[in-house]
Amino acid sequence: IRAALAKRTASMAPKMLERLEQRVTKLIGTAQIEPARLVQETAILAERADVTEELVRLESHVASMRSMLVDDGPLGKRIDFLLQEINRELNTIGSKSGDLDVTQMVMEGKSEVEKIREQVQNVE
């Protein structure tokens, strides 16, 4: 899911520009839109919607969990904590994105987290 999210969110800035142009045109009609201002506003929106940090942390949490699974000893609480962090990153990605495909991927990821959480509780 992480790779699919990264791929989908990487192409969002041009789509944001197009949507912003359409919205502004709808609001102001035929009045002239300054292209530089439109690009600037799109950059601001793209910065707010950037999920790069969340994707990096998500990958880190998944890698930590993988390495934990090969260790001996009690894992329940540690895995539960990592699942909580993964869920938090997914929530943030979902809230930053207005893209339906990203939202669906986030929901799929959260569903997988819940499945793992149930399995961890059964092991404890």
PDB file of N, CA and C in Angstrom:
ATOM      1  N   ILE A   1       0.834  -1.191   0.000  1.00  0.00           N
ATOM      2  CA  ILE A   1       0.000   0.000   0.000  1.00  0.00           C
ATOM      3  C   ILE A   1       0.875   1.248   0.000  1.00  0.00           C
ATOM      4  N   ARG A   2       1.999   1.190   0.713  1.00  0.00           N
ATOM      5  CA  ARG A   2       2.876   2.347   0.813  1.00  0.00           C
ATOM      6  C   ARG A   2       3.382   2.769  -0.560  1.00  0.00           C
ATOM      7  N   ALA A   3       3.777   1.815  -1.380  1.00  0.00           N
ATOM      8  CA  ALA A   3       4.282   2.123  -2.722  1.00  0.00           C
ATOM      9  C   ALA A   3       3.179   2.714  -3.594  1.00  0.00           C
ATOM     10  N   ALA A   4       1.989   2.170  -3.492  1.00  0.00           N
ATOM     11  CA  ALA A   4       0.865   2.690  -4.278  1.00  0.00           C
ATOM     12  C   ALA A   4       0.512   4.107  -3.837  1.00  0.00           C
ATOM     13  N   LEU A   5       0.556   4.349  -2.534  1.00  0.00           N
ATOM     14  CA  LEU A   5       0.300   5.704  -2.024  1.00  0.00           C
ATOM     15  C   LEU A   5       1.354   6.683  -2.530  1.00  0.00           C
ATOM     16  N   ALA A   6       2.611   6.273  -2.492  1.00  0.00           N
ATOM     17  CA  ALA A   6       3.691   7.152  -2.959  1.00  0.00           C
ATOM     18  C   ALA A   6       3.513   7.477  -4.435  1.00  0.00           C
ATOM     19  N   LYS A   7       3.178   6.478  -5.225  1.00  0.00           N
ATOM     20  CA  LYS A   7       3.001   6.686  -6.660  1.00  0.00           C
ATOM     21  C   LYS A   7       1.826   7.630  -6.921  1.00  0.00           C
ATOM     22  N   ARG A   8       0.724   7.405  -6.242  1.00  0.00           N
ATOM     23  CA  ARG A   8      -0.481   8.210  -6.466  1.00  0.00           C
ATOM     24  C   ARG A   8      -0.283   9.652  -6.008  1.00  0.00           C
ATOM     25  N   THR A   9       0.327   9.863  -4.859  1.00  0.00           N
ATOM     26  CA  THR A   9       0.474  11.215  -4.331  1.00  0.00           C
ATOM     27  C   THR A   9       1.540  12.013  -5.067  1.00  0.00           C
ATOM     28  N   ALA A  10       2.452  11.345  -5.748  1.00  0.00           N
ATOM     29  CA  ALA A  10       3.510  12.052  -6.480  1.00  0.00           C
ATOM     30  C   ALA A  10       2.954  12.867  -7.638  1.00  0.00           C
ATOM     31  N   SER A  11       1.850  12.461  -8.192  1.00  0.00           N
ATOM     32  CA  SER A  11       1.297  13.141  -9.361  1.00  0.00           C
ATOM     33  C   SER A  11       0.155  14.089  -9.017  1.00  0.00           C
ATOM     34  N   MET A  12       0.031  14.463  -7.771  1.00  0.00           N
ATOM     35  CA  MET A  12      -1.120  15.253  -7.366  1.00  0.00           C
ATOM     36  C   MET A  12      -0.994  16.750  -7.662  1.00  0.00           C
ATOM     37  N   ALA A  13       0.203  17.317  -7.686  1.00  0.00           N
ATOM     38  CA  ALA A  13       0.360  18.759  -7.880  1.00  0.00           C
ATOM     39  C   ALA A  13      -0.246  19.246  -9.204  1.00  0.00           C
ATOM     40  N   PRO A  14       0.040  18.590 -10.338  1.00  0.00           N
ATOM     41  CA  PRO A  14      -0.594  19.063 -11.580  1.00  0.00           C
ATOM     42  C   PRO A  14      -2.128  18.992 -11.534  1.00  0.00           C
ATOM     43  N   LYS A  15      -2.646  17.981 -10.873  1.00  0.00           N
ATOM     44  CA  LYS A  15      -4.096  17.855 -10.755  1.00  0.00           C
ATOM     45  C   LYS A  15      -4.656  18.968  -9.876  1.00  0.00           C
ATOM     46  N   MET A  16      -3.904  19.338  -8.841  1.00  0.00           N
ATOM     47  CA  MET A  16      -4.320  20.438  -7.978  1.00  0.00           C
ATOM     48  C   MET A  16      -4.391  21.744  -8.769  1.00  0.00           C
ATOM     49  N   LEU A  17      -3.393  21.969  -9.606  1.00  0.00           N
ATOM     50  CA  LEU A  17      -3.376  23.178 -10.434  1.00  0.00           C
ATOM     51  C   LEU A  17      -4.602  23.215 -11.331  1.00  0.00           C
ATOM     52  N   GLU A  18      -4.909  22.108 -11.958  1.00  0.00           N
ATOM     53  CA  GLU A  18      -6.063  22.046 -12.847  1.00  0.00           C
ATOM     54  C   GLU A  18      -7.366  22.307 -12.089  1.00  0.00           C
ATOM     55  N   ARG A  19      -7.526  21.668 -10.923  1.00  0.00           N
ATOM     56  CA  ARG A  19      -8.739  21.877 -10.121  1.00  0.00           C
ATOM     57  C   ARG A  19      -8.851  23.315  -9.642  1.00  0.00           C
ATOM     58  N   LEU A  20      -7.719  23.891  -9.218  1.00  0.00           N
ATOM     59  CA  LEU A  20      -7.725  25.274  -8.742  1.00  0.00           C
ATOM     60  C   LEU A  20      -8.107  26.218  -9.882  1.00  0.00           C
ATOM     61  N   GLU A  21      -7.559  25.993 -11.067  1.00  0.00           N
ATOM     62  CA  GLU A  21      -7.916  26.817 -12.230  1.00  0.00           C
ATOM     63  C   GLU A  21      -9.414  26.740 -12.501  1.00  0.00           C
ATOM     64  N   GLN A  22      -9.961  25.537 -12.448  1.00  0.00           N
ATOM     65  CA  GLN A  22     -11.384  25.357 -12.705  1.00  0.00           C
ATOM     66  C   GLN A  22     -12.235  26.063 -11.660  1.00  0.00           C
ATOM     67  N   ARG A  23     -11.854  25.945 -10.403  1.00  0.00           N
ATOM     68  CA  ARG A  23     -12.619  26.589  -9.330  1.00  0.00           C
ATOM     69  C   ARG A  23     -12.562  28.107  -9.434  1.00  0.00           C
ATOM     70  N   VAL A  24     -11.362  28.635  -9.682  1.00  0.00           N
ATOM     71  CA  VAL A  24     -11.212  30.085  -9.788  1.00  0.00           C
ATOM     72  C   VAL A  24     -11.991  30.605 -10.986  1.00  0.00           C
ATOM     73  N   THR A  25     -11.911  29.905 -12.105  1.00  0.00           N
ATOM     74  CA  THR A  25     -12.650  30.313 -13.305  1.00  0.00           C
ATOM     75  C   THR A  25     -14.150  30.317 -13.026  1.00  0.00           C
ATOM     76  N   LYS A  26     -14.603  29.310 -12.322  1.00  0.00           N
ATOM     77  CA  LYS A  26     -16.031  29.227 -11.980  1.00  0.00           C
ATOM     78  C   LYS A  26     -16.437  30.401 -11.088  1.00  0.00           C
ATOM     79  N   LEU A  27     -15.553  30.774 -10.156  1.00  0.00           N
ATOM     80  CA  LEU A  27     -15.869  31.860  -9.229  1.00  0.00           C
ATOM     81  C   LEU A  27     -15.812  33.238  -9.875  1.00  0.00           C
ATOM     82  N   ILE A  28     -14.797  33.483 -10.677  1.00  0.00           N
ATOM     83  CA  ILE A  28     -14.622  34.840 -11.205  1.00  0.00           C
ATOM     84  C   ILE A  28     -15.031  34.977 -12.666  1.00  0.00           C
ATOM     85  N   GLY A  29     -15.423  33.890 -13.291  1.00  0.00           N
ATOM     86  CA  GLY A  29     -15.904  33.953 -14.668  1.00  0.00           C
ATOM     87  C   GLY A  29     -14.790  34.217 -15.660  1.00  0.00           C
ATOM     88  N   THR A  30     -15.006  35.187 -16.518  1.00  0.00           N
ATOM     89  CA  THR A  30     -14.058  35.459 -17.596  1.00  0.00           C
ATOM     90  C   THR A  30     -12.949  36.419 -17.196  1.00  0.00           C
ATOM     91  N   ALA A  31     -12.941  36.878 -15.962  1.00  0.00           N
ATOM     92  CA  ALA A  31     -11.871  37.783 -15.511  1.00  0.00           C
ATOM     93  C   ALA A  31     -10.518  37.091 -15.658  1.00  0.00           C
ATOM     94  N   GLN A  32      -9.501  37.874 -15.893  1.00  0.00           N
ATOM     95  CA  GLN A  32      -8.153  37.359 -16.137  1.00  0.00           C
ATOM     96  C   GLN A  32      -7.532  36.833 -14.840  1.00  0.00           C
ATOM     97  N   ILE A  33      -6.955  35.643 -14.894  1.00  0.00           N
ATOM     98  CA  ILE A  33      -6.260  35.045 -13.758  1.00  0.00           C
ATOM     99  C   ILE A  33      -4.767  35.201 -14.003  1.00  0.00           C
ATOM    100  N   GLU A  34      -4.074  35.763 -13.048  1.00  0.00           N
ATOM    101  CA  GLU A  34      -2.623  35.915 -13.196  1.00  0.00           C
ATOM    102  C   GLU A  34      -1.976  34.532 -13.033  1.00  0.00           C
ATOM    103  N   PRO A  35      -1.328  34.013 -14.067  1.00  0.00           N
ATOM    104  CA  PRO A  35      -0.757  32.654 -14.019  1.00  0.00           C
ATOM    105  C   PRO A  35       0.256  32.454 -12.887  1.00  0.00           C
ATOM    106  N   ALA A  36       1.075  33.452 -12.630  1.00  0.00           N
ATOM    107  CA  ALA A  36       2.075  33.311 -11.562  1.00  0.00           C
ATOM    108  C   ALA A  36       1.396  33.140 -10.205  1.00  0.00           C
ATOM    109  N   ARG A  37       0.323  33.872  -9.996  1.00  0.00           N
ATOM    110  CA  ARG A  37      -0.408  33.774  -8.725  1.00  0.00           C
ATOM    111  C   ARG A  37      -1.059  32.395  -8.587  1.00  0.00           C
ATOM    112  N   LEU A  38      -1.588  31.897  -9.674  1.00  0.00           N
ATOM    113  CA  LEU A  38      -2.212  30.571  -9.666  1.00  0.00           C
ATOM    114  C   LEU A  38      -1.191  29.487  -9.339  1.00  0.00           C
ATOM    115  N   VAL A  39      -0.018  29.590  -9.929  1.00  0.00           N
ATOM    116  CA  VAL A  39       1.059  28.636  -9.652  1.00  0.00           C
ATOM    117  C   VAL A  39       1.492  28.736  -8.189  1.00  0.00           C
ATOM    118  N   GLN A  40       1.583  29.955  -7.676  1.00  0.00           N
ATOM    119  CA  GLN A  40       1.970  30.164  -6.275  1.00  0.00           C
ATOM    120  C   GLN A  40       0.952  29.525  -5.323  1.00  0.00           C
ATOM    121  N   GLU A  41      -0.310  29.744  -5.582  1.00  0.00           N
ATOM    122  CA  GLU A  41      -1.358  29.163  -4.741  1.00  0.00           C
ATOM    123  C   GLU A  41      -1.346  27.636  -4.829  1.00  0.00           C
ATOM    124  N   THR A  42      -1.093  27.114  -6.005  1.00  0.00           N
ATOM    125  CA  THR A  42      -1.007  25.666  -6.176  1.00  0.00           C
ATOM    126  C   THR A  42       0.166  25.106  -5.385  1.00  0.00           C
ATOM    127  N   ALA A  43       1.281  25.826  -5.392  1.00  0.00           N
ATOM    128  CA  ALA A  43       2.452  25.381  -4.623  1.00  0.00           C
ATOM    129  C   ALA A  43       2.130  25.326  -3.136  1.00  0.00           C
ATOM    130  N   ILE A  44       1.404  26.304  -2.658  1.00  0.00           N
ATOM    131  CA  ILE A  44       1.008  26.321  -1.238  1.00  0.00           C
ATOM    132  C   ILE A  44       0.112  25.127  -0.932  1.00  0.00           C
ATOM    133  N   LEU A  45      -0.869  24.883  -1.787  1.00  0.00           N
ATOM    134  CA  LEU A  45      -1.760  23.733  -1.587  1.00  0.00           C
ATOM    135  C   LEU A  45      -1.002  22.419  -1.662  1.00  0.00           C
ATOM    136  N   ALA A  46      -0.082  22.323  -2.607  1.00  0.00           N
ATOM    137  CA  ALA A  46       0.699  21.089  -2.757  1.00  0.00           C
ATOM    138  C   ALA A  46       1.562  20.848  -1.529  1.00  0.00           C
ATOM    139  N   GLU A  47       2.115  21.907  -0.958  1.00  0.00           N
ATOM    140  CA  GLU A  47       2.937  21.777   0.256  1.00  0.00           C
ATOM    141  C   GLU A  47       2.097  21.258   1.420  1.00  0.00           C
ATOM    142  N   ARG A  48       0.899  21.772   1.554  1.00  0.00           N
ATOM    143  CA  ARG A  48       0.004  21.319   2.626  1.00  0.00           C
ATOM    144  C   ARG A  48      -0.413  19.865   2.437  1.00  0.00           C
ATOM    145  N   ALA A  49      -0.534  19.441   1.183  1.00  0.00           N
ATOM    146  CA  ALA A  49      -0.984  18.076   0.887  1.00  0.00           C
ATOM    147  C   ALA A  49       0.172  17.086   0.770  1.00  0.00           C
ATOM    148  N   ASP A  50       1.405  17.561   0.905  1.00  0.00           N
ATOM    149  CA  ASP A  50       2.570  16.677   0.754  1.00  0.00           C
ATOM    150  C   ASP A  50       2.608  15.650   1.886  1.00  0.00           C
ATOM    151  N   VAL A  51       2.687  14.397   1.526  1.00  0.00           N
ATOM    152  CA  VAL A  51       2.684  13.310   2.509  1.00  0.00           C
ATOM    153  C   VAL A  51       4.007  12.548   2.521  1.00  0.00           C
ATOM    154  N   THR A  52       5.044  13.161   1.995  1.00  0.00           N
ATOM    155  CA  THR A  52       6.342  12.487   1.912  1.00  0.00           C
ATOM    156  C   THR A  52       6.837  12.047   3.287  1.00  0.00           C
ATOM    157  N   GLU A  53       6.762  12.929   4.266  1.00  0.00           N
ATOM    158  CA  GLU A  53       7.230  12.578   5.617  1.00  0.00           C
ATOM    159  C   GLU A  53       6.438  11.414   6.187  1.00  0.00           C
ATOM    160  N   GLU A  54       5.146  11.439   5.989  1.00  0.00           N
ATOM    161  CA  GLU A  54       4.300  10.364   6.507  1.00  0.00           C
ATOM    162  C   GLU A  54       4.635   9.033   5.837  1.00  0.00           C
ATOM    163  N   LEU A  55       4.904   9.074   4.540  1.00  0.00           N
ATOM    164  CA  LEU A  55       5.263   7.846   3.829  1.00  0.00           C
ATOM    165  C   LEU A  55       6.605   7.297   4.303  1.00  0.00           C
ATOM    166  N   VAL A  56       7.550   8.192   4.590  1.00  0.00           N
ATOM    167  CA  VAL A  56       8.853   7.754   5.108  1.00  0.00           C
ATOM    168  C   VAL A  56       8.686   7.115   6.487  1.00  0.00           C
ATOM    169  N   ARG A  57       7.895   7.754   7.344  1.00  0.00           N
ATOM    170  CA  ARG A  57       7.663   7.175   8.677  1.00  0.00           C
ATOM    171  C   ARG A  57       6.905   5.857   8.579  1.00  0.00           C
ATOM    172  N   LEU A  58       5.939   5.789   7.682  1.00  0.00           N
ATOM    173  CA  LEU A  58       5.180   4.548   7.477  1.00  0.00           C
ATOM    174  C   LEU A  58       6.116   3.410   7.085  1.00  0.00           C
ATOM    175  N   GLU A  59       7.009   3.680   6.140  1.00  0.00           N
ATOM    176  CA  GLU A  59       7.984   2.671   5.712  1.00  0.00           C
ATOM    177  C   GLU A  59       8.885   2.259   6.874  1.00  0.00           C
ATOM    178  N   SER A  60       9.289   3.219   7.685  1.00  0.00           N
ATOM    179  CA  SER A  60      10.135   2.942   8.840  1.00  0.00           C
ATOM    180  C   SER A  60       9.419   2.043   9.850  1.00  0.00           C
ATOM    181  N   HIS A  61       8.155   2.341  10.095  1.00  0.00           N
ATOM    182  CA  HIS A  61       7.387   1.519  11.047  1.00  0.00           C
ATOM    183  C   HIS A  61       7.213   0.091  10.538  1.00  0.00           C
ATOM    184  N   VAL A  62       6.951  -0.035   9.258  1.00  0.00           N
ATOM    185  CA  VAL A  62       6.785  -1.373   8.676  1.00  0.00           C
ATOM    186  C   VAL A  62       8.105  -2.147   8.748  1.00  0.00           C
ATOM    187  N   ALA A  63       9.206  -1.467   8.453  1.00  0.00           N
ATOM    188  CA  ALA A  63      10.521  -2.115   8.540  1.00  0.00           C
ATOM    189  C   ALA A  63      10.820  -2.534   9.980  1.00  0.00           C
ATOM    190  N   SER A  64      10.483  -1.692  10.934  1.00  0.00           N
ATOM    191  CA  SER A  64      10.688  -2.032  12.352  1.00  0.00           C
ATOM    192  C   SER A  64       9.881  -3.263  12.733  1.00  0.00           C
ATOM    193  N   MET A  65       8.655  -3.324  12.250  1.00  0.00           N
ATOM    194  CA  MET A  65       7.816  -4.470  12.575  1.00  0.00           C
ATOM    195  C   MET A  65       8.389  -5.744  11.963  1.00  0.00           C
ATOM    196  N   ARG A  66       8.862  -5.657  10.743  1.00  0.00           N
ATOM    197  CA  ARG A  66       9.451  -6.841  10.096  1.00  0.00           C
ATOM    198  C   ARG A  66      10.646  -7.349  10.884  1.00  0.00           C
ATOM    199  N   SER A  67      11.496  -6.435  11.328  1.00  0.00           N
ATOM    200  CA  SER A  67      12.674  -6.858  12.087  1.00  0.00           C
ATOM    201  C   SER A  67      12.279  -7.407  13.454  1.00  0.00           C
ATOM    202  N   MET A  68      11.220  -6.887  14.027  1.00  0.00           N
ATOM    203  CA  MET A  68      10.735  -7.391  15.313  1.00  0.00           C
ATOM    204  C   MET A  68      10.235  -8.822  15.208  1.00  0.00           C
ATOM    205  N   LEU A  69       9.629  -9.139  14.093  1.00  0.00           N
ATOM    206  CA  LEU A  69       9.017 -10.455  13.927  1.00  0.00           C
ATOM    207  C   LEU A  69      10.035 -11.587  13.893  1.00  0.00           C
ATOM    208  N   VAL A  70      11.279 -11.282  13.601  1.00  0.00           N
ATOM    209  CA  VAL A  70      12.306 -12.322  13.612  1.00  0.00           C
ATOM    210  C   VAL A  70      13.008 -12.417  14.960  1.00  0.00           C
ATOM    211  N   ASP A  71      12.724 -11.495  15.871  1.00  0.00           N
ATOM    212  CA  ASP A  71      13.312 -11.513  17.205  1.00  0.00           C
ATOM    213  C   ASP A  71      12.559 -12.485  18.101  1.00  0.00           C
ATOM    214  N   ASP A  72      13.269 -12.961  19.118  1.00  0.00           N
ATOM    215  CA  ASP A  72      12.627 -13.779  20.147  1.00  0.00           C
ATOM    216  C   ASP A  72      12.103 -12.861  21.240  1.00  0.00           C
ATOM    217  N   GLY A  73      11.207 -13.381  22.025  1.00  0.00           N
ATOM    218  CA  GLY A  73      10.707 -12.630  23.167  1.00  0.00           C
ATOM    219  C   GLY A  73       9.313 -12.083  22.919  1.00  0.00           C
ATOM    220  N   PRO A  74       8.770 -11.449  23.949  1.00  0.00           N
ATOM    221  CA  PRO A  74       7.411 -10.921  23.851  1.00  0.00           C
ATOM    222  C   PRO A  74       7.343  -9.740  22.869  1.00  0.00           C
ATOM    223  N   LEU A  75       6.377  -9.809  21.997  1.00  0.00           N
ATOM    224  CA  LEU A  75       6.258  -8.786  20.970  1.00  0.00           C
ATOM    225  C   LEU A  75       4.940  -8.026  21.007  1.00  0.00           C
ATOM    226  N   GLY A  76       3.959  -8.545  21.706  1.00  0.00           N
ATOM    227  CA  GLY A  76       2.602  -8.009  21.653  1.00  0.00           C
ATOM    228  C   GLY A  76       2.504  -6.510  21.819  1.00  0.00           C
ATOM    229  N   LYS A  77       3.047  -5.988  22.900  1.00  0.00           N
ATOM    230  CA  LYS A  77       2.947  -4.548  23.191  1.00  0.00           C
ATOM    231  C   LYS A  77       3.721  -3.727  22.167  1.00  0.00           C
ATOM    232  N   ARG A  78       4.890  -4.199  21.788  1.00  0.00           N
ATOM    233  CA  ARG A  78       5.713  -3.458  20.819  1.00  0.00           C
ATOM    234  C   ARG A  78       5.029  -3.399  19.462  1.00  0.00           C
ATOM    235  N   ILE A  79       4.473  -4.522  19.019  1.00  0.00           N
ATOM    236  CA  ILE A  79       3.775  -4.539  17.734  1.00  0.00           C
ATOM    237  C   ILE A  79       2.519  -3.674  17.801  1.00  0.00           C
ATOM    238  N   ASP A  80       1.812  -3.750  18.915  1.00  0.00           N
ATOM    239  CA  ASP A  80       0.612  -2.938  19.075  1.00  0.00           C
ATOM    240  C   ASP A  80       0.954  -1.448  18.979  1.00  0.00           C
ATOM    241  N   PHE A  81       2.068  -1.045  19.584  1.00  0.00           N
ATOM    242  CA  PHE A  81       2.501   0.347  19.503  1.00  0.00           C
ATOM    243  C   PHE A  81       2.804   0.725  18.051  1.00  0.00           C
ATOM    244  N   LEU A  82       3.534  -0.126  17.335  1.00  0.00           N
ATOM    245  CA  LEU A  82       3.848   0.166  15.939  1.00  0.00           C
ATOM    246  C   LEU A  82       2.579   0.221  15.078  1.00  0.00           C
ATOM    247  N   LEU A  83       1.632  -0.628  15.347  1.00  0.00           N
ATOM    248  CA  LEU A  83       0.366  -0.593  14.613  1.00  0.00           C
ATOM    249  C   LEU A  83      -0.364   0.721  14.860  1.00  0.00           C
ATOM    250  N   GLN A  84      -0.285   1.201  16.088  1.00  0.00           N
ATOM    251  CA  GLN A  84      -0.885   2.496  16.422  1.00  0.00           C
ATOM    252  C   GLN A  84      -0.213   3.613  15.615  1.00  0.00           C
ATOM    253  N   GLU A  85       1.105   3.557  15.510  1.00  0.00           N
ATOM    254  CA  GLU A  85       1.850   4.567  14.746  1.00  0.00           C
ATOM    255  C   GLU A  85       1.545   4.467  13.253  1.00  0.00           C
ATOM    256  N   ILE A  86       1.455   3.253  12.734  1.00  0.00           N
ATOM    257  CA  ILE A  86       1.107   3.063  11.325  1.00  0.00           C
ATOM    258  C   ILE A  86      -0.278   3.634  11.048  1.00  0.00           C
ATOM    259  N   ASN A  87      -1.203   3.352  11.942  1.00  0.00           N
ATOM    260  CA  ASN A  87      -2.560   3.868  11.802  1.00  0.00           C
ATOM    261  C   ASN A  87      -2.560   5.399  11.822  1.00  0.00           C
ATOM    262  N   ARG A  88      -1.754   5.986  12.685  1.00  0.00           N
ATOM    263  CA  ARG A  88      -1.651   7.445  12.774  1.00  0.00           C
ATOM    264  C   ARG A  88      -1.136   8.037  11.454  1.00  0.00           C
ATOM    265  N   GLU A  89      -0.124   7.416  10.875  1.00  0.00           N
ATOM    266  CA  GLU A  89       0.414   7.905   9.600  1.00  0.00           C
ATOM    267  C   GLU A  89      -0.641   7.785   8.498  1.00  0.00           C
ATOM    268  N   LEU A  90      -1.346   6.667   8.473  1.00  0.00           N
ATOM    269  CA  LEU A  90      -2.398   6.490   7.475  1.00  0.00           C
ATOM    270  C   LEU A  90      -3.495   7.540   7.637  1.00  0.00           C
ATOM    271  N   ASN A  91      -3.874   7.828   8.873  1.00  0.00           N
ATOM    272  CA  ASN A  91      -4.883   8.860   9.125  1.00  0.00           C
ATOM    273  C   ASN A  91      -4.425  10.218   8.602  1.00  0.00           C
ATOM    274  N   THR A  92      -3.172  10.554   8.851  1.00  0.00           N
ATOM    275  CA  THR A  92      -2.644  11.839   8.404  1.00  0.00           C
ATOM    276  C   THR A  92      -2.628  11.916   6.887  1.00  0.00           C
ATOM    277  N   ILE A  93      -2.191  10.842   6.247  1.00  0.00           N
ATOM    278  CA  ILE A  93      -2.185  10.806   4.781  1.00  0.00           C
ATOM    279  C   ILE A  93      -3.607  11.004   4.252  1.00  0.00           C
ATOM    280  N   GLY A  94      -4.554  10.313   4.860  1.00  0.00           N
ATOM    281  CA  GLY A  94      -5.943  10.439   4.433  1.00  0.00           C
ATOM    282  C   GLY A  94      -6.502  11.830   4.632  1.00  0.00           C
ATOM    283  N   SER A  95      -6.141  12.482   5.731  1.00  0.00           N
ATOM    284  CA  SER A  95      -6.672  13.814   5.980  1.00  0.00           C
ATOM    285  C   SER A  95      -6.027  14.878   5.103  1.00  0.00           C
ATOM    286  N   LYS A  96      -4.794  14.656   4.679  1.00  0.00           N
ATOM    287  CA  LYS A  96      -4.116  15.626   3.821  1.00  0.00           C
ATOM    288  C   LYS A  96      -4.546  15.516   2.365  1.00  0.00           C
ATOM    289  N   SER A  97      -5.039  14.378   1.985  1.00  0.00           N
ATOM    290  CA  SER A  97      -5.352  14.139   0.578  1.00  0.00           C
ATOM    291  C   SER A  97      -6.840  14.300   0.327  1.00  0.00           C
ATOM    292  N   GLY A  98      -7.161  14.945  -0.764  1.00  0.00           N
ATOM    293  CA  GLY A  98      -8.541  15.046  -1.190  1.00  0.00           C
ATOM    294  C   GLY A  98      -8.828  14.101  -2.339  1.00  0.00           C
ATOM    295  N   ASP A  99      -7.942  13.151  -2.543  1.00  0.00           N
ATOM    296  CA  ASP A  99      -8.028  12.241  -3.669  1.00  0.00           C
ATOM    297  C   ASP A  99      -8.756  10.965  -3.263  1.00  0.00           C
ATOM    298  N   LEU A 100      -9.747  10.583  -4.020  1.00  0.00           N
ATOM    299  CA  LEU A 100     -10.553   9.402  -3.702  1.00  0.00           C
ATOM    300  C   LEU A 100      -9.721   8.126  -3.694  1.00  0.00           C
ATOM    301  N   ASP A 101      -8.821   7.978  -4.667  1.00  0.00           N
ATOM    302  CA  ASP A 101      -7.981   6.772  -4.718  1.00  0.00           C
ATOM    303  C   ASP A 101      -7.089   6.665  -3.490  1.00  0.00           C
ATOM    304  N   VAL A 102      -6.522   7.777  -3.062  1.00  0.00           N
ATOM    305  CA  VAL A 102      -5.677   7.775  -1.860  1.00  0.00           C
ATOM    306  C   VAL A 102      -6.528   7.401  -0.647  1.00  0.00           C
ATOM    307  N   THR A 103      -7.714   7.963  -0.557  1.00  0.00           N
ATOM    308  CA  THR A 103      -8.608   7.646   0.568  1.00  0.00           C
ATOM    309  C   THR A 103      -8.927   6.154   0.599  1.00  0.00           C
ATOM    310  N   GLN A 104      -9.168   5.571  -0.558  1.00  0.00           N
ATOM    311  CA  GLN A 104      -9.455   4.140  -0.614  1.00  0.00           C
ATOM    312  C   GLN A 104      -8.241   3.312  -0.199  1.00  0.00           C
ATOM    313  N   MET A 105      -7.050   3.736  -0.616  1.00  0.00           N
ATOM    314  CA  MET A 105      -5.832   3.024  -0.206  1.00  0.00           C
ATOM    315  C   MET A 105      -5.622   3.130   1.301  1.00  0.00           C
ATOM    316  N   VAL A 106      -5.901   4.299   1.858  1.00  0.00           N
ATOM    317  CA  VAL A 106      -5.770   4.493   3.306  1.00  0.00           C
ATOM    318  C   VAL A 106      -6.743   3.565   4.039  1.00  0.00           C
ATOM    319  N   MET A 107      -7.971   3.484   3.547  1.00  0.00           N
ATOM    320  CA  MET A 107      -8.959   2.606   4.186  1.00  0.00           C
ATOM    321  C   MET A 107      -8.520   1.143   4.111  1.00  0.00           C
ATOM    322  N   GLU A 108      -7.952   0.756   2.986  1.00  0.00           N
ATOM    323  CA  GLU A 108      -7.446  -0.605   2.835  1.00  0.00           C
ATOM    324  C   GLU A 108      -6.303  -0.857   3.826  1.00  0.00           C
ATOM    325  N   GLY A 109      -5.409   0.115   3.956  1.00  0.00           N
ATOM    326  CA  GLY A 109      -4.296  -0.003   4.901  1.00  0.00           C
ATOM    327  C   GLY A 109      -4.786  -0.111   6.335  1.00  0.00           C
ATOM    328  N   LYS A 110      -5.770   0.698   6.689  1.00  0.00           N
ATOM    329  CA  LYS A 110      -6.318   0.655   8.049  1.00  0.00           C
ATOM    330  C   LYS A 110      -6.996  -0.680   8.317  1.00  0.00           C
ATOM    331  N   SER A 111      -7.635  -1.235   7.296  1.00  0.00           N
ATOM    332  CA  SER A 111      -8.256  -2.553   7.442  1.00  0.00           C
ATOM    333  C   SER A 111      -7.195  -3.616   7.720  1.00  0.00           C
ATOM    334  N   GLU A 112      -6.077  -3.534   7.006  1.00  0.00           N
ATOM    335  CA  GLU A 112      -4.979  -4.482   7.225  1.00  0.00           C
ATOM    336  C   GLU A 112      -4.386  -4.331   8.622  1.00  0.00           C
ATOM    337  N   VAL A 113      -4.258  -3.093   9.085  1.00  0.00           N
ATOM    338  CA  VAL A 113      -3.741  -2.842  10.437  1.00  0.00           C
ATOM    339  C   VAL A 113      -4.653  -3.510  11.461  1.00  0.00           C
ATOM    340  N   GLU A 114      -5.960  -3.397  11.278  1.00  0.00           N
ATOM    341  CA  GLU A 114      -6.897  -4.014  12.213  1.00  0.00           C
ATOM    342  C   GLU A 114      -6.805  -5.533  12.190  1.00  0.00           C
ATOM    343  N   LYS A 115      -6.603  -6.108  11.019  1.00  0.00           N
ATOM    344  CA  LYS A 115      -6.434  -7.562  10.923  1.00  0.00           C
ATOM    345  C   LYS A 115      -5.195  -8.009  11.695  1.00  0.00           C
ATOM    346  N   ILE A 116      -4.118  -7.269  11.528  1.00  0.00           N
ATOM    347  CA  ILE A 116      -2.875  -7.605  12.245  1.00  0.00           C
ATOM    348  C   ILE A 116      -3.070  -7.429  13.735  1.00  0.00           C
ATOM    349  N   ARG A 117      -3.747  -6.357  14.127  1.00  0.00           N
ATOM    350  CA  ARG A 117      -3.988  -6.103  15.554  1.00  0.00           C
ATOM    351  C   ARG A 117      -4.766  -7.266  16.172  1.00  0.00           C
ATOM    352  N   GLU A 118      -5.778  -7.767  15.471  1.00  0.00           N
ATOM    353  CA  GLU A 118      -6.551  -8.917  15.971  1.00  0.00           C
ATOM    354  C   GLU A 118      -5.666 -10.146  16.133  1.00  0.00           C
ATOM    355  N   GLN A 119      -4.779 -10.374  15.165  1.00  0.00           N
ATOM    356  CA  GLN A 119      -3.878 -11.511  15.259  1.00  0.00           C
ATOM    357  C   GLN A 119      -2.919 -11.373  16.426  1.00  0.00           C
ATOM    358  N   VAL A 120      -2.415 -10.173  16.646  1.00  0.00           N
ATOM    359  CA  VAL A 120      -1.488  -9.931  17.764  1.00  0.00           C
ATOM    360  C   VAL A 120      -2.194 -10.183  19.086  1.00  0.00           C
ATOM    361  N   GLN A 121      -3.450  -9.768  19.201  1.00  0.00           N
ATOM    362  CA  GLN A 121      -4.192  -9.999  20.445  1.00  0.00           C
ATOM    363  C   GLN A 121      -4.412 -11.479  20.686  1.00  0.00           C
ATOM    364  N   ASN A 122      -4.583 -12.251  19.628  1.00  0.00           N
ATOM    365  CA  ASN A 122      -4.749 -13.695  19.762  1.00  0.00           C
ATOM    366  C   ASN A 122      -3.451 -14.370  20.224  1.00  0.00           C
ATOM    367  N   VAL A 123      -2.313 -13.794  19.850  1.00  0.00           N
ATOM    368  CA  VAL A 123      -1.014 -14.367  20.220  1.00  0.00           C
ATOM    369  C   VAL A 123      -0.699 -14.088  21.671  1.00  0.00           C
ATOM    370  N   GLU A 124      -1.036 -12.887  22.124  1.00  0.00           N
ATOM    371  CA  GLU A 124      -0.736 -12.525  23.512  1.00  0.00           C
ATOM    372  C   GLU A 124      -1.398 -13.487  24.430  1.00  0.00           C
TER     373      GLU A 124
END
